[in-house]
Amino acid sequence: MKFDKLYSGKLIKRYKRFLADIVLDSGETITAHVPNSGAMTSCIEDNCPVWVTFHDDKKRKLKYTLELTKMGENLICTNTGVANKIAIEAIENGTIKELQGYKSLKPEQKYGQNSRIDILLEDENKKCYVEIKSVSLRLNDTLAFPDAVTSRGTKHLLELEQMVKEGHRSVMLYVIQRTDDLPFRLAYEIDKKYAETFEEVTKNGVEVLVYQSTIDLEEIKIIKKIS
């Protein structure tokens, strides 16, 4: 996925979860939308380098969106909505080999208990439900999910399990959105219930895929499976 034009700057502070004050390299101070409801631990700190996109939409109160940050030598895509876009690209171009062989790909389909599955893959005789989570948390020498308690994420795991019980295929896809080359694990110490539910549903047939993305100031794309 190619980024729209990126504007560089430094983070002043993030607040109210979805807002960030940033001083651009041009000297202008802006408030940007932060499309990430998580804690963003290990992704941001005051004065860290950031990149934003500009959207000249009259309906938008905030014209800038936070897209990337840099911690040490590592670029991090903090926009969680990007995960779905690059996952669709990676399925369509054959990078995610485990999700090939279906005739149709439909994003954001209703299912479960008032939920929407990120991707529904279909063929004449089979359905595959794919839930996608963006991974940006670093804990010591691992990358982990989630970075905050997520009752919604736990609900999604149980809904995937239910689809397996109904005779369908279900896949939990974690997309690494930072350039650290580290192993992935569940963040038990942050959300024990999510981790325990994960263990339960995977024993009952929910499949797990973890894919690494590459990031630069031009684009982000999924490149390889790490587990």
Protein backbone atom coordinates (compact mmCIF):
# COMPACT_ATOMS: atom_id res chain seq x y z
CA MET A 1 0.00 0.00 0.00
CA LYS A 2 1.44 3.32 -1.05
CA PHE A 3 1.13 6.10 1.49
CA ASP A 4 -0.35 9.43 0.54
CA LYS A 5 2.18 12.25 0.81
CA LEU A 6 3.77 12.15 4.26
CA TYR A 7 4.68 15.21 6.32
CA SER A 8 7.37 14.75 8.97
CA GLY A 9 7.53 16.24 12.43
CA LYS A 10 7.98 15.56 16.13
CA LEU A 11 5.37 14.43 18.62
CA ILE A 12 4.53 16.90 21.37
CA LYS A 13 1.98 14.66 23.11
CA ARG A 14 -0.84 12.20 22.55
CA TYR A 15 -4.03 12.67 24.57
CA LYS A 16 -7.67 11.54 24.73
CA ARG A 17 -6.48 8.45 22.82
CA PHE A 18 -7.34 9.81 19.39
CA LEU A 19 -5.53 13.16 19.41
CA ALA A 20 -1.87 14.11 19.05
CA ASP A 21 -0.19 17.50 19.03
CA ILE A 22 2.70 17.57 16.57
CA VAL A 23 5.18 20.18 15.42
CA LEU A 24 5.88 19.69 11.73
CA ASP A 25 9.35 20.19 10.31
CA SER A 26 7.91 23.30 8.63
CA GLY A 27 7.47 24.80 12.10
CA GLU A 28 3.67 24.57 12.10
CA THR A 29 2.02 23.02 15.16
CA ILE A 30 -0.97 20.80 14.36
CA THR A 31 -3.41 18.45 16.06
CA ALA A 32 -3.70 15.12 14.24
CA HIS A 33 -6.20 12.29 14.44
CA VAL A 34 -4.71 9.10 15.90
CA PRO A 35 -6.45 6.05 14.37
CA ASN A 36 -5.47 3.71 17.18
CA SER A 37 -7.53 2.95 20.30
CA GLY A 38 -4.73 1.04 22.05
CA ALA A 39 -2.19 2.16 24.61
CA MET A 40 0.50 2.53 21.90
CA THR A 41 3.12 1.46 24.44
CA SER A 42 6.57 1.26 22.80
CA CYS A 43 5.23 3.12 19.74
CA ILE A 44 5.44 6.74 20.83
CA GLU A 45 7.23 9.01 23.23
CA ASP A 46 7.43 12.77 23.51
CA ASN A 47 9.62 14.28 20.79
CA CYS A 48 9.79 11.08 18.72
CA PRO A 49 9.79 11.42 14.90
CA VAL A 50 6.34 11.08 13.32
CA TRP A 51 4.77 11.25 9.87
CA VAL A 52 1.26 12.39 9.06
CA THR A 53 -0.96 12.60 6.00
CA PHE A 54 -3.10 15.61 5.09
CA HIS A 55 -6.76 15.28 4.07
CA ASP A 56 -8.49 18.35 2.65
CA ASP A 57 -12.00 17.16 3.46
CA LYS A 58 -14.55 19.73 4.61
CA LYS A 59 -16.27 17.07 6.71
CA ARG A 60 -13.12 16.43 8.73
CA LYS A 61 -12.47 18.56 11.78
CA LEU A 62 -8.86 17.31 11.95
CA LYS A 63 -7.11 17.49 8.59
CA TYR A 64 -4.06 15.44 9.58
CA THR A 65 -3.79 11.73 10.40
CA LEU A 66 -0.90 10.13 12.28
CA GLU A 67 0.49 7.29 10.14
CA LEU A 68 4.04 6.46 11.25
CA THR A 69 6.33 6.88 14.22
CA LYS A 70 9.98 6.00 14.77
CA MET A 71 11.42 4.47 17.93
CA GLY A 72 15.16 3.97 17.77
CA GLU A 73 15.85 2.63 14.28
CA ASN A 74 12.40 1.09 13.84
CA LEU A 75 9.50 2.52 11.86
CA ILE A 76 6.04 1.75 13.23
CA CYS A 77 2.73 2.10 11.41
CA THR A 78 0.36 3.14 14.20
CA ASN A 79 -2.70 3.40 11.96
CA THR A 80 -4.54 0.18 12.82
CA GLY A 81 -6.84 0.51 9.81
CA VAL A 82 -3.89 -0.15 7.52
CA ALA A 83 -3.72 -3.82 8.57
CA ASN A 84 -6.92 -4.71 6.73
CA LYS A 85 -5.82 -2.94 3.57
CA ILE A 86 -2.42 -4.61 3.33
CA ALA A 87 -3.89 -7.99 4.27
CA ILE A 88 -6.31 -7.77 1.35
CA GLU A 89 -3.42 -6.81 -0.93
CA ALA A 90 -1.36 -9.75 0.33
CA ILE A 91 -4.19 -12.22 -0.24
CA GLU A 92 -4.87 -10.89 -3.72
CA ASN A 93 -1.20 -10.94 -4.78
CA GLY A 94 -0.60 -14.40 -3.33
CA THR A 95 1.75 -13.46 -0.47
CA ILE A 96 -0.48 -15.08 2.14
CA LYS A 97 -0.44 -18.57 0.66
CA GLU A 98 -2.69 -20.08 3.33
CA LEU A 99 -5.60 -17.93 2.14
CA GLN A 100 -5.52 -18.78 -1.55
CA GLY A 101 -8.04 -20.81 -3.57
CA TYR A 102 -11.22 -18.83 -2.95
CA LYS A 103 -13.32 -17.24 -5.68
CA SER A 104 -14.44 -14.15 -3.77
CA LEU A 105 -13.10 -11.82 -1.10
CA LYS A 106 -15.58 -9.63 0.75
CA PRO A 107 -14.46 -7.15 3.43
CA GLU A 108 -16.49 -6.12 6.47
CA GLN A 109 -19.27 -8.70 6.32
CA LYS A 110 -21.88 -9.00 9.09
CA TYR A 111 -21.66 -12.11 11.25
CA GLY A 112 -21.63 -13.28 14.84
CA GLN A 113 -23.18 -11.15 17.55
CA ASN A 114 -23.62 -7.78 15.85
CA SER A 115 -20.05 -7.96 14.52
CA ARG A 116 -18.37 -7.64 11.16
CA ILE A 117 -15.69 -10.06 10.01
CA ASP A 118 -12.73 -8.27 8.45
CA ILE A 119 -12.57 -10.61 5.45
CA LEU A 120 -14.93 -13.32 4.22
CA LEU A 121 -13.43 -15.65 1.62
CA GLU A 122 -15.87 -17.83 -0.29
CA ASP A 123 -16.00 -20.63 -2.81
CA GLU A 124 -18.95 -22.76 -3.92
CA ASN A 125 -18.61 -25.17 -1.03
CA LYS A 126 -16.65 -23.32 1.63
CA LYS A 127 -16.33 -20.14 3.65
CA CYS A 128 -13.30 -18.78 5.47
CA TYR A 129 -13.68 -16.07 8.13
CA VAL A 130 -10.56 -13.96 8.65
CA GLU A 131 -10.16 -11.63 11.63
CA ILE A 132 -7.22 -9.20 11.42
CA LYS A 133 -5.33 -7.53 14.25
CA SER A 134 -2.57 -4.94 13.95
CA VAL A 135 0.50 -5.63 16.10
CA SER A 136 2.64 -2.69 17.18
CA LEU A 137 3.59 -3.49 20.79
CA ARG A 138 7.17 -4.41 21.68
CA LEU A 139 7.77 -6.11 25.03
CA ASN A 140 11.49 -6.60 25.63
CA ASP A 141 12.68 -8.79 22.75
CA THR A 142 9.24 -9.83 21.49
CA LEU A 143 6.32 -8.32 19.62
CA ALA A 144 3.00 -8.87 21.35
CA PHE A 145 -0.78 -8.46 21.20
CA PRO A 146 -2.82 -6.86 22.67
CA ASP A 147 -1.35 -3.62 24.01
CA ALA A 148 -4.43 -2.98 26.18
CA VAL A 149 -7.32 -5.01 27.57
CA THR A 150 -9.63 -5.83 24.66
CA SER A 151 -13.01 -7.34 25.46
CA ARG A 152 -13.89 -6.74 21.82
CA GLY A 153 -10.91 -8.82 20.71
CA THR A 154 -11.96 -11.64 23.04
CA LYS A 155 -15.47 -11.52 21.58
CA HIS A 156 -14.01 -11.81 18.08
CA LEU A 157 -12.07 -14.95 19.05
CA LEU A 158 -15.24 -16.59 20.36
CA GLU A 159 -17.11 -15.67 17.19
CA LEU A 160 -14.38 -17.29 15.09
CA GLU A 161 -14.71 -20.41 17.22
CA GLN A 162 -18.47 -20.45 16.60
CA MET A 163 -17.91 -20.35 12.83
CA VAL A 164 -15.71 -23.45 13.16
CA LYS A 165 -18.50 -25.19 15.09
CA GLU A 166 -20.84 -24.36 12.21
CA GLY A 167 -18.50 -26.11 9.78
CA HIS A 168 -16.56 -23.16 8.38
CA ARG A 169 -12.88 -22.24 8.40
CA SER A 170 -11.75 -19.45 10.75
CA VAL A 171 -8.39 -17.67 10.76
CA MET A 172 -6.92 -15.17 13.22
CA LEU A 173 -4.39 -13.09 11.28
CA TYR A 174 -1.91 -10.90 13.16
CA VAL A 175 -0.13 -8.29 11.03
CA ILE A 176 3.16 -6.94 12.42
CA GLN A 177 3.25 -3.21 11.67
CA ARG A 178 6.76 -2.35 12.82
CA THR A 179 10.18 -3.14 11.38
CA ASP A 180 11.66 -4.96 14.39
CA ASP A 181 12.68 -8.50 13.41
CA LEU A 182 11.43 -10.21 16.58
CA PRO A 183 9.25 -13.20 17.52
CA PHE A 184 5.53 -12.77 18.27
CA ARG A 185 3.65 -13.77 21.40
CA LEU A 186 0.46 -13.02 23.29
CA ALA A 187 0.63 -10.34 25.97
CA TYR A 188 -0.67 -12.44 28.87
CA GLU A 189 0.46 -9.81 31.36
CA ILE A 190 -1.76 -7.20 29.72
CA ASP A 191 -4.94 -9.20 28.97
CA LYS A 192 -5.01 -12.65 30.54
CA LYS A 193 -8.59 -13.31 29.45
CA TYR A 194 -7.75 -12.66 25.81
CA ALA A 195 -4.75 -14.98 26.00
CA GLU A 196 -6.73 -17.75 27.70
CA THR A 197 -9.53 -17.42 25.16
CA PHE A 198 -6.96 -17.61 22.36
CA GLU A 199 -5.63 -20.88 23.77
CA GLU A 200 -9.15 -22.29 24.00
CA VAL A 201 -10.31 -21.38 20.50
CA THR A 202 -7.12 -22.50 18.78
CA LYS A 203 -7.52 -25.92 20.41
CA ASN A 204 -11.02 -25.98 18.91
CA GLY A 205 -9.96 -25.32 15.33
CA VAL A 206 -9.36 -21.58 14.90
CA GLU A 207 -6.20 -21.18 12.81
CA VAL A 208 -3.51 -18.58 13.52
CA LEU A 209 -1.29 -16.74 11.05
CA VAL A 210 1.33 -14.09 11.87
CA TYR A 211 2.77 -12.04 9.02
CA GLN A 212 5.51 -9.41 8.96
CA SER A 213 5.23 -6.17 7.02
CA THR A 214 7.97 -3.98 5.65
CA ILE A 215 7.69 -0.21 6.09
CA ASP A 216 9.40 2.78 4.55
CA LEU A 217 8.34 6.35 3.82
CA GLU A 218 6.77 5.29 0.52
CA GLU A 219 4.74 2.20 1.34
CA ILE A 220 3.87 -0.61 3.71
CA LYS A 221 3.29 -4.18 2.60
CA ILE A 222 3.16 -7.69 3.99
CA ILE A 223 6.24 -9.67 3.01
CA LYS A 224 6.57 -12.92 4.96
CA LYS A 225 5.06 -15.35 7.42
CA ILE A 226 6.75 -15.52 10.82
CA SER A 227 4.50 -18.16 12.41
